Structures are given as C-alpha cells and as structure tokens.
C-alpha cells in the first residue's frame, strides 16, 4: 500500500527547469544527468515492488532533516513490525571491489553504497527509538541496472542486484508478512516528517529575468504548442492537457524556482509569457489556491 508516492526532488526539479529555460553549466548538467538517471532507476524499482503486491506500507522518496544532518531514503517498506530501507543505485558498467570501495576500469572510485545505507539505517533507527517505535530495521542497496557488475564482491546480505529482486519480494510474500495498525501509524508518521522544502546549497544561480518564459511541455519540455478552446497541444510530441492544468503546473514550477516571491496574477501572466489572459489565470489561481490580500496586493498560496 503506497503511503507516499515518488516525486522529483527540488534539486532535480530546479536543474530540469533551469536547463530548458536558461541552460546549465557543464558541472550542473552532469548533476542533472545523474538526477535523471537516478530517478529512472527508482521508477523501475517502484514498478517491481508494485508488481510484487506486497502487503506492507511503502514510503517513497523520504527526506528527513535534523539540525545536524539530512538523509534521503529512496524507498521504505514497513510490515510485520519491520522497516526495510532500499537504497536504489542505477549504476552501469563494470567495477571492482577493493578495500571497501568500488573502482571502475579507469580507476575512478565510488563511495561504498553499503556504508551509505548503513548510516541512514542508524539515523532512522535512532528516530524510531526516540519516537517510541520498536520496529526492527533492515537495509539493502539495490543495483537496479542489469548492465552493472562488481568483481571481487565479498558475500553480503546487504546488496541486491536487479535479478534477485523478484526472489527477494517473493520471500517476503511467502513469509506471510502481515501488517498492523502500528505499521500504518509509523508509515504515516514518516511521511509527515518528510521535508519537501529542503533546498541544497549547490543549486544553479538564476533569476526571473534570466529564464525563458512560457509553459514547458511536461513530456518533452518543448515550448512549442497550439491551443483549442480548452486544450493545450504540444506540437513537438503531441502531448495534450487542459489549459487550466498547464497554467497551474507552471504556477507550481514558479513556486519551486522562486519560493520567496508571492504568487500574483501579474507575475504568472509574465511567467506564462502573456499567452493566457489575466482573467483566465485569476480563475485558475482562485480554483486551485487560497486568495490573500495585503493592502493593494492580492496573492495566492496553496
């Protein structure tokens, strides 16, 4: 049972938007490519766990913050007083295990992902104890890409390759794992702890004036489109959506890019490049958000 669906992180979302509206530096583009690849791997994992029809509660893409640290959990499965963490890696190529690290043929090293997931496990275990939960915790690194191999890997129960997932999930199912009210309570409590507003320090530099205006296609990120009375049609890939939905989607994009800027009809009119009338934008904002007034200024919030 899905408690928290997977969505793109703010880091991923901002890099994607800036990429198509302004362009990215070489380093930022590398990070964007890694974000896309990682998200694709996580979506594949979602398909596999959904296909397995687990009885437990699934919490995806959980970001926990404290004064000292921040942790992102790719997927968590909660059932039968157990909490299972899955760290999904979409690596490709051949690597060799040596002295706790992974090395490519060219000598580049990767931090040991088992160490990473174990640190997250320790952090989450402390959170469980502090909040009165007695669930046992397990943690796995999932190498989701079939085009990935590690030589000299010592025997470990903490790593799952994509070819092992079906048997892993079947083992959980065959164990007649049940769920109870405490499992659901924990899943919801974790979802409520998710910090969806965390913004990393290394986001690219951009401003309102530097970004290209208009509404991006959600499928191919093209600005090219044609409209009917109520529908917006991408002339690049053919994607069709309601104009009202396209406007609101663009409002949410603006909100992520500029969290400190009040949402106003005028600002969204400019953000959409004047394509749709202010009355139409006002109608969308009034239907989807709450209206506030501050003297002569009217603005909207979720």
Protein backbone atom coordinates (compact mmCIF):
# COMPACT_ATOMS: atom_id res chain seq x y z
CA UNK A 1 0.00 0.00 0.00
CA UNK A 2 1.51 3.27 -1.12
CA UNK A 3 1.61 5.94 1.60
CA UNK A 4 3.92 8.45 -0.11
CA UNK A 5 4.38 8.49 -3.90
CA UNK A 6 7.66 9.32 -5.58
CA UNK A 7 8.19 12.83 -6.92
CA UNK A 8 11.21 14.65 -8.26
CA UNK A 9 13.32 16.31 -5.61
CA UNK A 10 13.67 20.09 -5.54
CA UNK A 11 17.25 19.64 -6.73
CA UNK A 12 16.09 17.58 -9.73
CA UNK A 13 13.17 19.91 -10.43
CA UNK A 14 15.24 23.10 -10.37
CA UNK A 15 18.04 21.65 -12.51
CA UNK A 16 15.47 20.44 -15.05
CA UNK A 17 13.62 23.75 -15.24
CA UNK A 18 16.77 25.88 -15.48
CA UNK A 19 18.21 23.52 -18.09
CA UNK A 20 15.34 24.15 -20.51
CA UNK A 21 14.82 27.81 -19.64
CA UNK A 22 18.40 29.04 -19.49
CA UNK A 23 20.92 26.22 -19.88
CA UNK A 24 23.27 24.65 -17.36
CA UNK A 25 27.00 24.73 -16.79
CA UNK A 26 28.97 21.58 -17.53
CA UNK A 27 29.03 20.64 -13.84
CA UNK A 28 25.34 21.38 -13.27
CA UNK A 29 24.43 19.44 -16.41
CA UNK A 30 26.39 16.45 -15.08
CA UNK A 31 24.42 16.65 -11.85
CA UNK A 32 21.16 16.90 -13.82
CA UNK A 33 22.03 13.80 -15.86
CA UNK A 34 22.75 11.93 -12.62
CA UNK A 35 19.43 13.10 -11.17
CA UNK A 36 17.54 11.87 -14.23
CA UNK A 37 19.34 8.52 -14.26
CA UNK A 38 18.74 8.01 -10.56
CA UNK A 39 15.05 8.89 -10.84
CA UNK A 40 14.62 6.46 -13.73
CA UNK A 41 16.17 3.72 -11.64
CA UNK A 42 13.88 4.49 -8.72
CA UNK A 43 10.84 4.39 -11.02
CA UNK A 44 11.92 0.94 -12.23
CA UNK A 45 12.20 -0.21 -8.63
CA UNK A 46 8.68 1.14 -8.00
CA UNK A 47 7.35 -0.95 -10.87
CA UNK A 48 8.98 -4.10 -9.50
CA UNK A 49 7.77 -3.64 -5.92
CA UNK A 50 4.27 -2.79 -7.15
CA UNK A 51 4.26 -5.93 -9.30
CA UNK A 52 5.21 -8.00 -6.26
CA UNK A 53 2.00 -6.84 -4.49
CA UNK A 54 3.49 -6.56 -1.04
CA UNK A 55 1.13 -6.29 1.92
CA UNK A 56 3.23 -3.63 3.59
CA UNK A 57 3.17 0.15 3.52
CA UNK A 58 5.52 1.85 1.04
CA UNK A 59 7.01 5.29 1.69
CA UNK A 60 8.98 6.63 -1.27
CA UNK A 61 11.49 9.42 -1.60
CA UNK A 62 11.55 10.36 2.08
CA UNK A 63 13.74 13.30 3.06
CA UNK A 64 14.43 13.62 6.79
CA UNK A 65 16.18 16.61 8.31
CA UNK A 66 17.59 17.46 11.71
CA UNK A 67 19.85 20.24 12.92
CA UNK A 68 22.89 18.07 12.25
CA UNK A 69 22.15 16.22 9.04
CA UNK A 70 19.84 15.45 6.11
CA UNK A 71 19.01 12.00 4.76
CA UNK A 72 17.11 10.89 1.69
CA UNK A 73 15.57 7.41 1.71
CA UNK A 74 14.76 6.07 -1.76
CA UNK A 75 12.12 3.55 -0.62
CA UNK A 76 10.92 2.15 2.70
CA UNK A 77 8.72 -0.92 3.15
CA UNK A 78 7.00 -1.36 6.53
CA UNK A 79 5.33 -4.64 7.50
CA UNK A 80 5.07 -7.03 10.43
CA UNK A 81 6.94 -4.68 12.79
CA UNK A 82 9.82 -4.44 10.32
CA UNK A 83 11.15 -1.43 8.44
CA UNK A 84 13.14 -2.22 5.30
CA UNK A 85 15.22 0.52 3.63
CA UNK A 86 16.05 0.23 -0.07
CA UNK A 87 18.85 2.42 -1.46
CA UNK A 88 18.46 2.28 -5.25
CA UNK A 89 21.53 2.76 -7.46
CA UNK A 90 21.22 2.99 -11.24
CA UNK A 91 24.93 2.44 -11.97
CA UNK A 92 26.16 0.96 -15.24
CA UNK A 93 29.45 -0.67 -16.24
CA UNK A 94 31.96 -2.95 -14.56
CA UNK A 95 33.54 -2.21 -11.18
CA UNK A 96 35.94 -3.96 -8.87
CA UNK A 97 35.54 -4.09 -5.10
CA UNK A 98 38.70 -3.23 -3.17
CA UNK A 99 39.25 -2.04 0.40
CA UNK A 100 35.63 -1.04 0.91
CA UNK A 101 35.30 0.98 -2.31
CA UNK A 102 34.21 0.35 -5.89
CA UNK A 103 36.67 1.13 -8.68
CA UNK A 104 35.93 1.41 -12.40
CA UNK A 105 38.28 0.11 -15.09
CA UNK A 106 39.61 3.66 -15.44
CA UNK A 107 40.40 3.86 -11.75
CA UNK A 108 37.53 6.12 -10.69
CA UNK A 109 36.14 5.21 -7.29
CA UNK A 110 32.64 5.22 -5.86
CA UNK A 111 31.85 5.54 -2.20
CA UNK A 112 30.73 2.21 -0.79
CA UNK A 113 26.91 2.37 -1.04
CA UNK A 114 26.55 -0.20 1.77
CA UNK A 115 28.25 2.26 4.13
CA UNK A 116 25.86 4.95 2.93
CA UNK A 117 22.72 2.93 3.55
CA UNK A 118 24.00 1.71 6.93
CA UNK A 119 24.46 5.32 8.07
CA UNK A 120 20.88 6.02 7.03
CA UNK A 121 19.75 2.90 8.84
CA UNK A 122 21.47 4.06 12.04
CA UNK A 123 19.91 7.52 11.76
CA UNK A 124 16.44 6.11 11.16
CA UNK A 125 16.84 3.56 13.96
CA UNK A 126 17.57 6.40 16.39
CA UNK A 127 14.50 8.25 15.13
CA UNK A 128 12.36 5.15 15.73
CA UNK A 129 13.63 4.77 19.30
CA UNK A 130 13.15 8.46 20.06
CA UNK A 131 9.56 8.25 18.86
CA UNK A 132 8.62 5.04 20.64
CA UNK A 133 8.65 2.58 17.72
CA UNK A 134 10.12 -0.90 18.23
CA UNK A 135 10.34 -1.94 14.58
CA UNK A 136 13.39 -3.92 13.51
CA UNK A 137 15.30 -2.26 10.68
CA UNK A 138 16.96 -3.82 7.64
CA UNK A 139 18.75 -2.06 4.79
CA UNK A 140 19.63 -3.08 1.25
CA UNK A 141 21.49 -1.48 -1.63
CA UNK A 142 19.65 -2.29 -4.86
CA UNK A 143 21.65 -2.18 -8.08
CA UNK A 144 18.70 -1.75 -10.42
CA UNK A 145 20.51 -1.73 -13.77
CA UNK A 146 21.18 -5.11 -15.37
CA UNK A 147 24.22 -3.56 -17.13
CA UNK A 148 26.23 -3.39 -13.90
CA UNK A 149 28.67 -5.86 -12.39
CA UNK A 150 31.05 -5.89 -9.41
CA UNK A 151 34.12 -8.13 -9.39
CA UNK A 152 35.58 -9.48 -6.14
CA UNK A 153 32.48 -8.54 -4.16
CA UNK A 154 32.57 -10.31 -0.78
CA UNK A 155 29.50 -12.25 0.31
CA UNK A 156 26.95 -9.84 1.79
CA UNK A 157 23.26 -9.87 2.51
CA UNK A 158 23.07 -6.08 2.15
CA UNK A 159 23.22 -5.98 -1.67
CA UNK A 160 20.50 -6.95 -4.13
CA UNK A 161 21.03 -7.00 -7.88
CA UNK A 162 18.02 -6.46 -10.11
CA UNK A 163 17.87 -10.16 -10.98
CA UNK A 164 17.46 -11.00 -7.27
CA UNK A 165 14.55 -8.66 -6.56
CA UNK A 166 11.78 -10.99 -7.69
CA UNK A 167 13.02 -13.74 -5.35
CA UNK A 168 13.54 -11.22 -2.55
CA UNK A 169 9.98 -9.91 -2.77
CA UNK A 170 8.60 -13.45 -3.15
CA UNK A 171 10.40 -14.43 0.06
CA UNK A 172 8.67 -11.60 1.89
CA UNK A 173 5.31 -12.66 0.46
CA UNK A 174 5.81 -16.35 1.28
CA UNK A 175 6.65 -15.45 4.87
CA UNK A 176 3.02 -14.35 5.24
CA UNK A 177 4.13 -10.96 6.37
CA UNK A 178 1.15 -9.13 7.83
CA UNK A 179 0.54 -5.50 8.68
CA UNK A 180 -0.98 -3.93 11.74
CA UNK A 181 -2.14 -0.55 12.99
CA UNK A 182 1.32 0.28 14.34
CA UNK A 183 2.87 -0.31 10.91
CA UNK A 184 0.41 2.09 9.29
CA UNK A 185 0.91 4.64 12.05
CA UNK A 186 4.68 4.54 11.51
CA UNK A 187 4.37 4.84 7.73
CA UNK A 188 2.15 7.90 8.09
CA UNK A 189 4.41 9.42 10.76
CA UNK A 190 7.43 9.09 8.47
CA UNK A 191 5.53 10.61 5.56
CA UNK A 192 4.58 13.53 7.80
CA UNK A 193 8.26 14.03 8.68
CA UNK A 194 9.21 14.45 5.01
CA UNK A 195 10.94 17.77 4.39
CA UNK A 196 9.75 18.64 0.90
CA UNK A 197 11.15 22.17 1.08
CA UNK A 198 14.83 21.35 1.59
CA UNK A 199 16.98 23.23 -0.89
CA UNK A 200 20.62 22.15 -1.30
CA UNK A 201 23.33 24.81 -1.31
CA UNK A 202 24.63 23.93 -4.78
CA UNK A 203 21.59 24.87 -6.86
CA UNK A 204 22.49 26.79 -10.05
CA UNK A 205 22.33 30.58 -9.98
CA UNK A 206 19.36 32.08 -11.85
CA UNK A 207 16.89 34.95 -11.73
CA UNK A 208 13.45 35.71 -13.10
CA UNK A 209 14.79 37.86 -15.93
CA UNK A 210 17.37 35.25 -16.98
CA UNK A 211 14.86 32.43 -17.51
CA UNK A 212 12.91 31.95 -20.73
CA UNK A 213 9.20 32.50 -20.19
CA UNK A 214 6.39 30.24 -21.32
CA UNK A 215 4.92 26.86 -20.38
CA UNK A 216 7.07 23.78 -20.86
CA UNK A 217 5.60 20.53 -22.11
CA UNK A 218 5.71 18.01 -19.22
CA UNK A 219 6.77 15.22 -21.58
CA UNK A 220 9.39 16.68 -23.94
CA UNK A 221 10.00 20.13 -22.35
CA UNK A 222 9.23 21.99 -25.57
CA UNK A 223 7.63 25.43 -25.55
CA UNK A 224 6.01 24.83 -28.97
CA UNK A 225 2.25 24.30 -28.80
CA UNK A 226 -1.14 25.06 -30.26
CA UNK A 227 -4.41 25.60 -28.39
CA UNK A 228 -8.04 24.70 -28.77
CA UNK A 229 -10.65 26.37 -26.58
CA UNK A 230 -9.79 24.26 -23.53
CA UNK A 231 -6.79 22.10 -24.51
CA UNK A 232 -3.09 22.77 -24.98
CA UNK A 233 -1.37 20.55 -27.55
CA UNK A 234 2.41 20.18 -27.80
CA UNK A 235 3.37 20.42 -31.45
CA UNK A 236 6.66 18.60 -30.76
CA UNK A 237 5.43 15.38 -29.10
CA UNK A 238 1.64 15.66 -29.29
CA UNK A 239 1.01 15.73 -25.53
CA UNK A 240 -2.46 17.08 -24.71
CA UNK A 241 -3.61 18.61 -21.44
CA UNK A 242 -6.20 21.07 -20.23
CA UNK A 243 -5.03 24.68 -20.42
CA UNK A 244 -6.05 25.18 -16.79
CA UNK A 245 -3.84 22.25 -15.77
CA UNK A 246 -0.93 23.62 -17.82
CA UNK A 247 -1.24 27.02 -16.15
CA UNK A 248 -1.37 25.52 -12.67
CA UNK A 249 1.57 23.23 -13.41
CA UNK A 250 3.53 26.31 -14.45
CA UNK A 251 2.47 28.05 -11.22
CA UNK A 252 3.91 25.16 -9.20
CA UNK A 253 7.14 25.34 -11.21
CA UNK A 254 7.39 29.07 -10.49
CA UNK A 255 6.76 28.37 -6.81
CA UNK A 256 9.67 25.92 -6.61
CA UNK A 257 12.02 28.22 -8.50
CA UNK A 258 11.06 31.34 -6.54
CA UNK A 259 9.73 30.26 -3.13
CA UNK A 260 10.03 33.76 -1.67
CA UNK A 261 8.11 35.53 -4.45
CA UNK A 262 4.34 35.93 -3.84
CA UNK A 263 2.09 34.27 -6.43
CA UNK A 264 0.12 37.01 -8.19
CA UNK A 265 -1.90 37.17 -11.39
CA UNK A 266 0.57 39.63 -12.90
CA UNK A 267 3.61 37.50 -12.08
CA UNK A 268 2.09 34.32 -13.53
CA UNK A 269 0.90 36.28 -16.57
CA UNK A 270 4.54 37.26 -17.19
CA UNK A 271 5.79 33.74 -16.36
CA UNK A 272 3.45 32.28 -18.99
CA UNK A 273 4.75 34.90 -21.43
CA UNK A 274 1.37 36.59 -21.71
CA UNK A 275 -0.08 33.65 -23.60
CA UNK A 276 -3.23 33.42 -21.48
CA UNK A 277 -5.36 36.28 -20.25
CA UNK A 278 -5.22 37.56 -16.71
CA UNK A 279 -8.90 36.67 -16.05
CA UNK A 280 -8.15 33.08 -17.07
CA UNK A 281 -5.08 32.94 -14.84
CA UNK A 282 -7.06 34.51 -11.97
CA UNK A 283 -9.73 31.85 -12.37
CA UNK A 284 -7.13 29.05 -12.16
CA UNK A 285 -5.48 30.58 -9.10
CA UNK A 286 -8.83 31.08 -7.37
CA UNK A 287 -9.84 27.47 -8.01
CA UNK A 288 -6.55 25.86 -7.02
CA UNK A 289 -5.19 28.14 -4.30
CA UNK A 290 -6.26 30.37 -1.42
CA UNK A 291 -6.55 34.09 -2.02
CA UNK A 292 -4.99 36.62 0.38
CA UNK A 293 -4.83 40.39 0.41
CA UNK A 294 -2.08 42.61 1.76
CA UNK A 295 -3.18 46.19 1.23
CA UNK A 296 -3.48 46.79 -2.51
CA UNK A 297 -1.74 43.49 -3.33
CA UNK A 298 -3.58 40.22 -3.89
CA UNK A 299 -1.60 36.99 -3.81
CA UNK A 300 -2.27 33.25 -3.65
CA UNK A 301 -0.96 30.32 -1.62
CA UNK A 302 -1.50 26.56 -1.63
